[in-house]
Amino acid sequence: MIYELRIYECFPGRLPSLLERFENVTLDLWKKHGIEQVGFWTPTVGRSNKELIYILKWESLADREQKWNAFTADPIWLDKRTASEADGPIVATIENSFLQPTQFSLSK
C-alpha cells in the first residue's frame, strides 16, 4: 500500500471553486474509476490559506498509474474541468509525494 499526498495551491479567491469542483464532480468520477481518498484538509494556520491538501490510497504505483490515467482522460472530467475554469484557472501549483507507511504506522 502506498499513499499519495497532494497539495494544490489556488490562485487568489479560487479555493471555493476548487472545493466545489471536488465535492460536485471529482469525487463521483474517482468513485467511477476506483480511486480511494483518505481525507481532505484546508489549513487554518500555516504557510497558505489558499491550499487544499489531500491523500489518496493506492495498492501500488502501477495501480495509481492505471486509475489516474483513466480518470484524467475521462471525457466527463475534461468537460467539467474546463467548465469550472470558465472564470479563469483555479490551481496555480500542484505538489505531490508518494508515501510508504513505516512498520509502526497505524496506516498500512
C-alpha atoms as a PDB file:
ATOM      1  CA  MET A   1       0.000   0.000   0.000  1.00  0.00           C
ATOM      2  CA  ILE A   2       1.228   3.491  -0.832  1.00  0.00           C
ATOM      3  CA  TYR A   3      -0.264   6.895  -0.180  1.00  0.00           C
ATOM      4  CA  GLU A   4      -0.139   9.980  -2.345  1.00  0.00           C
ATOM      5  CA  LEU A   5      -0.042  13.371  -0.669  1.00  0.00           C
ATOM      6  CA  ARG A   6      -1.267  16.135  -2.959  1.00  0.00           C
ATOM      7  CA  ILE A   7      -1.197  19.869  -2.186  1.00  0.00           C
ATOM      8  CA  TYR A   8      -2.996  22.265  -4.507  1.00  0.00           C
ATOM      9  CA  GLU A   9      -2.324  25.966  -4.132  1.00  0.00           C
ATOM     10  CA  CYS A  10      -5.071  28.016  -5.727  1.00  0.00           C
ATOM     11  CA  PHE A  11      -4.967  31.383  -7.370  1.00  0.00           C
ATOM     12  CA  PRO A  12      -6.282  34.116  -5.035  1.00  0.00           C
ATOM     13  CA  GLY A  13     -10.028  33.785  -4.442  1.00  0.00           C
ATOM     14  CA  ARG A  14     -10.298  30.435  -6.289  1.00  0.00           C
ATOM     15  CA  LEU A  15     -10.234  27.930  -3.404  1.00  0.00           C
ATOM     16  CA  PRO A  16     -14.069  27.890  -3.139  1.00  0.00           C
ATOM     17  CA  SER A  17     -14.257  26.913  -6.825  1.00  0.00           C
ATOM     18  CA  LEU A  18     -11.796  24.068  -6.273  1.00  0.00           C
ATOM     19  CA  LEU A  19     -13.704  22.789  -3.248  1.00  0.00           C
ATOM     20  CA  GLU A  20     -16.962  22.898  -5.203  1.00  0.00           C
ATOM     21  CA  ARG A  21     -15.396  21.013  -8.114  1.00  0.00           C
ATOM     22  CA  PHE A  22     -14.134  18.261  -5.812  1.00  0.00           C
ATOM     23  CA  GLU A  23     -17.432  17.950  -3.965  1.00  0.00           C
ATOM     24  CA  ASN A  24     -19.695  18.026  -7.026  1.00  0.00           C
ATOM     25  CA  VAL A  25     -17.585  16.472  -9.802  1.00  0.00           C
ATOM     26  CA  THR A  26     -14.257  14.918  -8.888  1.00  0.00           C
ATOM     27  CA  LEU A  27     -15.323  12.592  -6.073  1.00  0.00           C
ATOM     28  CA  ASP A  28     -18.013  10.914  -8.200  1.00  0.00           C
ATOM     29  CA  LEU A  29     -15.535  10.379 -11.016  1.00  0.00           C
ATOM     30  CA  TRP A  30     -12.949   8.979  -8.620  1.00  0.00           C
ATOM     31  CA  LYS A  31     -15.552   6.511  -7.390  1.00  0.00           C
ATOM     32  CA  LYS A  32     -16.246   5.504 -11.000  1.00  0.00           C
ATOM     33  CA  HIS A  33     -12.510   4.874 -11.558  1.00  0.00           C
ATOM     34  CA  GLY A  34     -11.841   3.158  -8.217  1.00  0.00           C
ATOM     35  CA  ILE A  35      -9.763   5.973  -6.709  1.00  0.00           C
ATOM     36  CA  GLU A  36      -9.863   5.931  -2.906  1.00  0.00           C
ATOM     37  CA  GLN A  37      -9.323   9.051  -0.831  1.00  0.00           C
ATOM     38  CA  VAL A  38      -8.059   9.050   2.748  1.00  0.00           C
ATOM     39  CA  GLY A  39      -9.081  12.633   3.520  1.00  0.00           C
ATOM     40  CA  PHE A  40      -9.060  16.314   2.575  1.00  0.00           C
ATOM     41  CA  TRP A  41      -7.875  19.307   4.570  1.00  0.00           C
ATOM     42  CA  THR A  42      -7.586  23.076   4.283  1.00  0.00           C
ATOM     43  CA  PRO A  43      -5.072  24.813   6.556  1.00  0.00           C
ATOM     44  CA  THR A  44      -6.362  27.029   9.339  1.00  0.00           C
ATOM     45  CA  VAL A  45      -2.820  28.011  10.318  1.00  0.00           C
ATOM     46  CA  GLY A  46       0.184  27.508   8.063  1.00  0.00           C
ATOM     47  CA  ARG A  47       2.047  28.752   5.052  1.00  0.00           C
ATOM     48  CA  SER A  48      -1.041  29.494   2.926  1.00  0.00           C
ATOM     49  CA  ASN A  49      -4.797  29.825   3.257  1.00  0.00           C
ATOM     50  CA  LYS A  50      -5.199  29.053  -0.471  1.00  0.00           C
ATOM     51  CA  GLU A  51      -4.394  25.338  -0.230  1.00  0.00           C
ATOM     52  CA  LEU A  52      -6.282  22.088  -0.485  1.00  0.00           C
ATOM     53  CA  ILE A  53      -4.368  19.118   0.900  1.00  0.00           C
ATOM     54  CA  TYR A  54      -5.485  15.553   0.379  1.00  0.00           C
ATOM     55  CA  ILE A  55      -4.265  11.967   0.497  1.00  0.00           C
ATOM     56  CA  LEU A  56      -5.098   9.130  -1.869  1.00  0.00           C
ATOM     57  CA  LYS A  57      -4.576   5.418  -1.178  1.00  0.00           C
ATOM     58  CA  TRP A  58      -3.146   3.051  -3.824  1.00  0.00           C
ATOM     59  CA  GLU A  59      -2.315  -0.639  -3.975  1.00  0.00           C
ATOM     60  CA  SER A  60       0.869   0.165  -5.946  1.00  0.00           C
ATOM     61  CA  LEU A  61       2.358   2.719  -8.328  1.00  0.00           C
ATOM     62  CA  ALA A  62       1.030   0.619 -11.222  1.00  0.00           C
ATOM     63  CA  ASP A  63      -2.469   0.770  -9.690  1.00  0.00           C
ATOM     64  CA  ARG A  64      -2.129   4.537  -9.383  1.00  0.00           C
ATOM     65  CA  GLU A  65      -0.943   4.948 -12.960  1.00  0.00           C
ATOM     66  CA  GLN A  66      -3.792   2.895 -14.416  1.00  0.00           C
ATOM     67  CA  LYS A  67      -6.582   4.516 -12.385  1.00  0.00           C
ATOM     68  CA  TRP A  68      -5.228   8.081 -12.523  1.00  0.00           C
ATOM     69  CA  ASN A  69      -4.695   7.928 -16.288  1.00  0.00           C
ATOM     70  CA  ALA A  70      -8.234   6.630 -16.808  1.00  0.00           C
ATOM     71  CA  PHE A  71      -9.617   9.434 -14.628  1.00  0.00           C
ATOM     72  CA  THR A  72      -7.646  12.240 -16.292  1.00  0.00           C
ATOM     73  CA  ALA A  73      -8.685  11.008 -19.766  1.00  0.00           C
ATOM     74  CA  ASP A  74     -12.380  10.679 -18.857  1.00  0.00           C
ATOM     75  CA  PRO A  75     -14.398  12.945 -21.208  1.00  0.00           C
ATOM     76  CA  ILE A  76     -16.734  13.929 -18.365  1.00  0.00           C
ATOM     77  CA  TRP A  77     -13.747  15.089 -16.278  1.00  0.00           C
ATOM     78  CA  LEU A  78     -12.271  17.019 -19.199  1.00  0.00           C
ATOM     79  CA  ASP A  79     -15.595  18.806 -19.870  1.00  0.00           C
ATOM     80  CA  LYS A  80     -16.343  19.568 -16.208  1.00  0.00           C
ATOM     81  CA  ARG A  81     -12.795  20.780 -15.507  1.00  0.00           C
ATOM     82  CA  THR A  82     -12.963  23.126 -18.492  1.00  0.00           C
ATOM     83  CA  ALA A  83     -16.383  24.420 -17.406  1.00  0.00           C
ATOM     84  CA  SER A  84     -15.168  25.010 -13.835  1.00  0.00           C
ATOM     85  CA  GLU A  85     -12.350  27.179 -15.191  1.00  0.00           C
ATOM     86  CA  ALA A  86     -14.594  29.422 -17.313  1.00  0.00           C
ATOM     87  CA  ASP A  87     -13.707  32.328 -14.983  1.00  0.00           C
ATOM     88  CA  GLY A  88     -10.001  31.522 -15.168  1.00  0.00           C
ATOM     89  CA  PRO A  89      -7.614  28.903 -13.870  1.00  0.00           C
ATOM     90  CA  ILE A  90      -8.178  27.576 -10.353  1.00  0.00           C
ATOM     91  CA  VAL A  91      -4.953  25.806  -9.383  1.00  0.00           C
ATOM     92  CA  ALA A  92      -1.640  27.665  -9.506  1.00  0.00           C
ATOM     93  CA  THR A  93       0.621  24.791  -8.383  1.00  0.00           C
ATOM     94  CA  ILE A  94       0.360  21.109  -7.546  1.00  0.00           C
ATOM     95  CA  GLU A  95       2.808  19.332  -5.277  1.00  0.00           C
ATOM     96  CA  ASN A  96       2.626  15.586  -4.809  1.00  0.00           C
ATOM     97  CA  SER A  97       4.602  12.978  -2.915  1.00  0.00           C
ATOM     98  CA  PHE A  98       4.282   9.215  -2.670  1.00  0.00           C
ATOM     99  CA  LEU A  99       4.495   7.882   0.864  1.00  0.00           C
ATOM    100  CA  GLN A 100       5.114   4.383   2.169  1.00  0.00           C
ATOM    101  CA  PRO A 101       3.987   3.567   5.713  1.00  0.00           C
ATOM    102  CA  THR A 102       6.626   2.710   8.283  1.00  0.00           C
ATOM    103  CA  GLN A 103       6.484  -0.536  10.266  1.00  0.00           C
ATOM    104  CA  PHE A 104       4.958   1.323  13.212  1.00  0.00           C
ATOM    105  CA  SER A 105       2.377   3.337  11.272  1.00  0.00           C
ATOM    106  CA  LEU A 106      -1.306   2.860  12.074  1.00  0.00           C
ATOM    107  CA  SER A 107      -2.000   3.131   8.324  1.00  0.00           C
ATOM    108  CA  LYS A 108      -0.502   0.221   6.434  1.00  0.00           C
END
